[in-house]
């Protein structure tokens, strides 16, 4: 089976994730953020995580040093985690315990949803969470009202 290419991906929901990502595939979806954070020690040392099937040496000319992209990825996740309360310790400990997207606690899941995405959020974490909760409460009220009309 051919490996999925994340470069054309538009929806992360339902994606099982991959064991290895090329730097060019990184779109900052939750699966990729978790993968980067799981391999943060290797990336901090300046090495991109090696793919299991090594295809041999590449003859293409590199424009930057080998450690630059690894540093960019792990630093971006660290900087995003600095914007949440307690520097995202809840998410960090759960990822270190081996949890994946499907079994994160609600608090860690919210932190992950805040730090994911191509760009950083303009609002601080608490404002973002309050607005998100308000939107969901309105949507739930509208759905419940629709169901009440159908039942009643």
Protein backbone atom coordinates (compact mmCIF):
# COMPACT_ATOMS: atom_id res chain seq x y z
CA UNK A 1 0.00 0.00 0.00
CA UNK A 2 1.34 3.39 -0.95
CA UNK A 3 1.98 5.85 1.84
CA UNK A 4 -0.53 8.69 2.08
CA UNK A 5 0.79 12.11 1.17
CA UNK A 6 -0.29 14.77 3.66
CA UNK A 7 0.43 17.64 1.28
CA UNK A 8 -2.99 17.35 -0.38
CA UNK A 9 -4.87 16.62 2.83
CA UNK A 10 -7.73 18.97 3.66
CA UNK A 11 -9.30 17.14 6.63
CA UNK A 12 -7.42 15.63 9.55
CA UNK A 13 -10.50 14.03 11.10
CA UNK A 14 -10.56 10.33 10.45
CA UNK A 15 -6.87 10.28 9.56
CA UNK A 16 -5.07 7.42 11.34
CA UNK A 17 -1.75 9.24 11.10
CA UNK A 18 1.55 7.89 9.86
CA UNK A 19 4.71 6.49 11.37
CA UNK A 20 6.92 8.99 9.57
CA UNK A 21 6.46 12.44 8.03
CA UNK A 22 8.65 14.29 5.58
CA UNK A 23 9.19 17.94 6.57
CA UNK A 24 7.41 19.07 3.39
CA UNK A 25 4.28 17.19 4.50
CA UNK A 26 3.92 19.00 7.81
CA UNK A 27 0.60 20.89 7.83
CA UNK A 28 0.36 21.15 11.63
CA UNK A 29 -2.62 18.80 11.95
CA UNK A 30 -3.09 17.20 15.40
CA UNK A 31 -1.52 13.90 14.29
CA UNK A 32 1.59 15.70 13.05
CA UNK A 33 1.89 17.87 16.16
CA UNK A 34 1.76 14.74 18.33
CA UNK A 35 4.35 13.03 16.11
CA UNK A 36 6.71 16.02 16.33
CA UNK A 37 6.35 16.17 20.11
CA UNK A 38 6.91 12.40 20.45
CA UNK A 39 10.19 12.77 18.54
CA UNK A 40 11.21 16.09 20.10
CA UNK A 41 14.46 14.70 21.57
CA UNK A 42 15.74 13.59 18.18
CA UNK A 43 14.60 16.81 16.52
CA UNK A 44 16.27 18.96 19.21
CA UNK A 45 19.55 17.20 18.42
CA UNK A 46 19.18 18.49 14.88
CA UNK A 47 18.20 15.28 13.10
CA UNK A 48 14.98 14.64 11.25
CA UNK A 49 13.59 11.28 12.30
CA UNK A 50 14.92 8.62 9.92
CA UNK A 51 12.42 6.71 7.83
CA UNK A 52 12.47 2.98 8.45
CA UNK A 53 13.17 2.10 4.82
CA UNK A 54 16.23 4.14 3.99
CA UNK A 55 16.19 4.81 0.26
CA UNK A 56 19.86 5.64 0.03
CA UNK A 57 21.67 8.92 -0.38
CA UNK A 58 20.14 11.78 -2.26
CA UNK A 59 22.18 13.63 -4.85
CA UNK A 60 20.20 16.82 -4.60
CA UNK A 61 21.86 19.99 -3.39
CA UNK A 62 20.63 21.17 0.02
CA UNK A 63 20.14 24.88 0.49
CA UNK A 64 20.37 24.78 4.27
CA UNK A 65 22.04 22.75 6.96
CA UNK A 66 20.54 19.35 7.82
CA UNK A 67 19.49 20.42 11.33
CA UNK A 68 17.50 23.53 10.36
CA UNK A 69 14.15 21.90 9.53
CA UNK A 70 14.23 19.68 12.61
CA UNK A 71 14.88 22.73 14.76
CA UNK A 72 12.08 24.69 13.10
CA UNK A 73 9.53 21.95 13.75
CA UNK A 74 10.28 21.35 17.42
CA UNK A 75 10.74 25.05 18.20
CA UNK A 76 7.37 25.88 16.63
CA UNK A 77 5.60 23.32 18.82
CA UNK A 78 7.46 24.58 21.90
CA UNK A 79 6.55 28.21 21.11
CA UNK A 80 2.90 27.29 20.62
CA UNK A 81 2.88 25.39 23.92
CA UNK A 82 4.27 28.47 25.69
CA UNK A 83 1.02 30.31 24.87
CA UNK A 84 -1.19 27.93 26.88
CA UNK A 85 -1.47 27.77 30.68
CA UNK A 86 1.32 25.79 32.39
CA UNK A 87 3.14 25.61 29.06
CA UNK A 88 1.01 22.67 27.98
CA UNK A 89 2.29 20.32 30.67
CA UNK A 90 -0.95 18.32 30.55
CA UNK A 91 -0.55 17.58 26.85
CA UNK A 92 3.18 16.98 27.19
CA UNK A 93 2.83 14.40 29.96
CA UNK A 94 0.06 12.55 28.13
CA UNK A 95 2.08 12.37 24.90
CA UNK A 96 5.12 11.17 26.87
CA UNK A 97 2.90 8.47 28.40
CA UNK A 98 2.22 7.23 24.86
CA UNK A 99 -1.30 8.51 24.42
CA UNK A 100 -2.57 9.28 20.95
CA UNK A 101 -5.30 11.57 19.63
CA UNK A 102 -8.11 9.15 20.44
CA UNK A 103 -7.36 8.77 24.15
CA UNK A 104 -6.25 12.24 25.27
CA UNK A 105 -8.05 13.80 28.21
CA UNK A 106 -10.48 16.63 27.37
CA UNK A 107 -8.05 19.26 28.69
CA UNK A 108 -5.11 17.93 26.67
CA UNK A 109 -7.34 17.63 23.60
CA UNK A 110 -8.31 21.32 23.90
CA UNK A 111 -4.66 22.33 24.15
CA UNK A 112 -3.86 20.25 21.05
CA UNK A 113 -6.75 21.85 19.14
CA UNK A 114 -5.42 25.28 20.13
CA UNK A 115 -1.83 24.68 19.00
CA UNK A 116 -2.69 22.86 15.75
CA UNK A 117 -3.11 24.65 12.45
CA UNK A 118 -0.95 26.36 9.90
CA UNK A 119 -0.79 29.66 11.77
CA UNK A 120 -0.75 30.48 15.44
CA UNK A 121 -4.00 31.67 16.98
CA UNK A 122 -4.38 35.41 17.43
CA UNK A 123 -6.45 35.10 20.63
CA UNK A 124 -5.02 33.82 23.87
CA UNK A 125 -5.99 30.30 24.98
CA UNK A 126 -8.68 31.31 27.48
CA UNK A 127 -10.45 33.66 25.04
CA UNK A 128 -10.28 31.03 22.27
CA UNK A 129 -11.69 28.37 24.58
CA UNK A 130 -14.51 30.64 25.82
CA UNK A 131 -15.53 31.55 22.25
CA UNK A 132 -15.31 27.93 21.13
CA UNK A 133 -17.46 26.72 24.06
CA UNK A 134 -20.02 29.45 23.34
CA UNK A 135 -20.24 28.45 19.67
CA UNK A 136 -20.76 24.80 20.59
CA UNK A 137 -23.41 25.67 23.19
CA UNK A 138 -25.38 27.68 20.59
CA UNK A 139 -25.10 24.84 18.07
CA UNK A 140 -26.27 22.31 20.66
CA UNK A 141 -29.23 24.51 21.65
CA UNK A 142 -30.26 24.83 18.01
CA UNK A 143 -29.97 21.07 17.45
CA UNK A 144 -31.95 20.36 20.62
CA UNK A 145 -34.68 22.80 19.59
CA UNK A 146 -34.90 21.11 16.18
CA UNK A 147 -35.18 17.69 17.86
CA UNK A 148 -37.88 19.01 20.23
CA UNK A 149 -39.92 20.18 17.25
CA UNK A 150 -39.55 16.79 15.56
CA UNK A 151 -40.52 14.88 18.70
CA UNK A 152 -43.26 17.24 19.88
